[in-house]
Amino acid sequence: MAFVGFPLSGFAWDGPGGEPTWYATSPGAGRGFCGDCGSRVCALDDGSDAVFVTIMSLDDDRVFVPRNQHFRDDAVSWLPQVPEPTAAV
């Protein structure tokens, strides 16, 4: 699943569904889901200064290019991996 991070300052839910339905999926980890279909749309951990939104839930996902990849050892073999970052991301 691909996410893009946005600073919480100035961030607003302005789509037709409004703010997602929030669930604490583990201690300190909140996940937002679409209230209509149940799709996961974001992640917001306690104390974070950014919300991470799934790229496919955005109106225009073509403007984002992955810069980092987590859980490389668990990636499917047929999907090209994102190159290792050269600087801290």
C-alpha atoms as a PDB file:
ATOM      1  CA  MET A   1       0.000   0.000   0.000  1.00  0.00           C
ATOM      2  CA  ALA A   2       1.437   3.379  -0.975  1.00  0.00           C
ATOM      3  CA  PHE A   3       1.073   6.403   1.302  1.00  0.00           C
ATOM      4  CA  VAL A   4       1.965  10.071   0.972  1.00  0.00           C
ATOM      5  CA  GLY A   5       2.564  12.180   4.074  1.00  0.00           C
ATOM      6  CA  PHE A   6       1.077  15.619   4.659  1.00  0.00           C
ATOM      7  CA  PRO A   7       1.842  17.943   7.593  1.00  0.00           C
ATOM      8  CA  LEU A   8      -1.102  18.158   9.977  1.00  0.00           C
ATOM      9  CA  SER A   9      -0.806  21.935  10.106  1.00  0.00           C
ATOM     10  CA  GLY A  10      -3.052  23.207   7.349  1.00  0.00           C
ATOM     11  CA  PHE A  11      -4.364  19.743   6.412  1.00  0.00           C
ATOM     12  CA  ALA A  12      -8.128  19.365   5.959  1.00  0.00           C
ATOM     13  CA  TRP A  13     -10.475  16.617   4.800  1.00  0.00           C
ATOM     14  CA  ASP A  14     -12.318  18.314   1.932  1.00  0.00           C
ATOM     15  CA  GLY A  15     -13.605  15.394  -0.135  1.00  0.00           C
ATOM     16  CA  PRO A  16     -17.275  14.454  -0.381  1.00  0.00           C
ATOM     17  CA  GLY A  17     -16.987  11.867   2.404  1.00  0.00           C
ATOM     18  CA  GLY A  18     -15.372  14.258   4.862  1.00  0.00           C
ATOM     19  CA  GLU A  19     -13.134  12.979   7.625  1.00  0.00           C
ATOM     20  CA  PRO A  20     -12.672   9.193   7.733  1.00  0.00           C
ATOM     21  CA  THR A  21     -13.926   6.892  10.462  1.00  0.00           C
ATOM     22  CA  TRP A  22     -11.055   6.347  12.907  1.00  0.00           C
ATOM     23  CA  TYR A  23     -10.027   3.123  14.626  1.00  0.00           C
ATOM     24  CA  ALA A  24      -7.169   2.473  17.031  1.00  0.00           C
ATOM     25  CA  THR A  25      -5.639  -0.538  15.295  1.00  0.00           C
ATOM     26  CA  SER A  26      -2.916  -0.889  17.931  1.00  0.00           C
ATOM     27  CA  PRO A  27      -1.756   1.219  20.891  1.00  0.00           C
ATOM     28  CA  GLY A  28      -0.784   4.646  19.552  1.00  0.00           C
ATOM     29  CA  ALA A  29      -1.760   3.848  15.958  1.00  0.00           C
ATOM     30  CA  GLY A  30      -4.908   5.272  14.400  1.00  0.00           C
ATOM     31  CA  ARG A  31      -6.166   4.234  10.997  1.00  0.00           C
ATOM     32  CA  GLY A  32      -8.842   6.008   8.995  1.00  0.00           C
ATOM     33  CA  PHE A  33     -11.386   4.171   6.874  1.00  0.00           C
ATOM     34  CA  CYS A  34     -14.040   5.298   4.397  1.00  0.00           C
ATOM     35  CA  GLY A  35     -17.366   5.449   6.223  1.00  0.00           C
ATOM     36  CA  ASP A  36     -19.197   4.195   3.102  1.00  0.00           C
ATOM     37  CA  CYS A  37     -17.118   1.296   1.778  1.00  0.00           C
ATOM     38  CA  GLY A  38     -14.621   0.584   4.578  1.00  0.00           C
ATOM     39  CA  SER A  39     -11.485   1.131   2.476  1.00  0.00           C
ATOM     40  CA  ARG A  40      -8.401   2.167   4.397  1.00  0.00           C
ATOM     41  CA  VAL A  41      -7.567   5.756   3.486  1.00  0.00           C
ATOM     42  CA  CYS A  42      -4.992   6.985   6.005  1.00  0.00           C
ATOM     43  CA  ALA A  43      -2.811   6.494   9.041  1.00  0.00           C
ATOM     44  CA  LEU A  44      -2.216   8.859  11.946  1.00  0.00           C
ATOM     45  CA  ASP A  45      -0.079   7.781  14.869  1.00  0.00           C
ATOM     46  CA  ASP A  46      -0.205   9.444  18.286  1.00  0.00           C
ATOM     47  CA  GLY A  47       2.226  12.349  18.485  1.00  0.00           C
ATOM     48  CA  SER A  48       2.855  12.478  14.743  1.00  0.00           C
ATOM     49  CA  ASP A  49       3.000  15.842  12.997  1.00  0.00           C
ATOM     50  CA  ALA A  50       1.855  14.289   9.698  1.00  0.00           C
ATOM     51  CA  VAL A  51      -1.042  12.245   8.390  1.00  0.00           C
ATOM     52  CA  PHE A  52      -0.271   9.542   5.827  1.00  0.00           C
ATOM     53  CA  VAL A  53      -2.932   9.180   3.132  1.00  0.00           C
ATOM     54  CA  THR A  54      -3.170   6.231   0.743  1.00  0.00           C
ATOM     55  CA  ILE A  55      -2.182   7.464  -2.696  1.00  0.00           C
ATOM     56  CA  MET A  56      -5.048   5.700  -4.436  1.00  0.00           C
ATOM     57  CA  SER A  57      -7.608   7.603  -2.351  1.00  0.00           C
ATOM     58  CA  LEU A  58      -6.479  10.974  -3.752  1.00  0.00           C
ATOM     59  CA  ASP A  59      -8.174  12.738  -6.660  1.00  0.00           C
ATOM     60  CA  ASP A  60      -4.928  12.841  -8.678  1.00  0.00           C
ATOM     61  CA  ASP A  61      -2.396  10.214  -7.679  1.00  0.00           C
ATOM     62  CA  ARG A  62      -0.158  10.730 -10.732  1.00  0.00           C
ATOM     63  CA  VAL A  63       1.785  13.593  -9.143  1.00  0.00           C
ATOM     64  CA  PHE A  64       3.401  11.367  -6.501  1.00  0.00           C
ATOM     65  CA  VAL A  65       6.467   9.198  -7.051  1.00  0.00           C
ATOM     66  CA  PRO A  66       7.536   6.742  -4.312  1.00  0.00           C
ATOM     67  CA  ARG A  67      10.781   7.684  -2.536  1.00  0.00           C
ATOM     68  CA  ASN A  68      11.004   4.937   0.044  1.00  0.00           C
ATOM     69  CA  GLN A  69       9.827   1.373   0.572  1.00  0.00           C
ATOM     70  CA  HIS A  70       9.272  -0.441   3.848  1.00  0.00           C
ATOM     71  CA  PHE A  71       9.094  -4.211   4.359  1.00  0.00           C
ATOM     72  CA  ARG A  72      11.246  -4.908   1.289  1.00  0.00           C
ATOM     73  CA  ASP A  73      11.732  -8.538   2.300  1.00  0.00           C
ATOM     74  CA  ASP A  74       7.965  -9.067   2.169  1.00  0.00           C
ATOM     75  CA  ALA A  75       7.422  -7.425  -1.239  1.00  0.00           C
ATOM     76  CA  VAL A  76       5.889  -9.387  -4.074  1.00  0.00           C
ATOM     77  CA  SER A  77       8.519 -10.577  -6.533  1.00  0.00           C
ATOM     78  CA  TRP A  78       6.756  -9.268  -9.657  1.00  0.00           C
ATOM     79  CA  LEU A  79       6.599  -5.618  -8.571  1.00  0.00           C
ATOM     80  CA  PRO A  80       9.777  -3.561  -9.080  1.00  0.00           C
ATOM     81  CA  GLN A  81      11.186  -2.248  -5.823  1.00  0.00           C
ATOM     82  CA  VAL A  82      11.628   1.431  -5.110  1.00  0.00           C
ATOM     83  CA  PRO A  83      15.372   2.223  -5.172  1.00  0.00           C
ATOM     84  CA  GLU A  84      17.028   2.511  -1.760  1.00  0.00           C
ATOM     85  CA  PRO A  85      16.948   6.143  -0.588  1.00  0.00           C
ATOM     86  CA  THR A  86      20.327   7.854  -0.542  1.00  0.00           C
ATOM     87  CA  ALA A  87      19.320  10.320   2.179  1.00  0.00           C
ATOM     88  CA  ALA A  88      17.075  10.105   5.218  1.00  0.00           C
ATOM     89  CA  VAL A  89      13.421  10.188   4.210  1.00  0.00           C
END
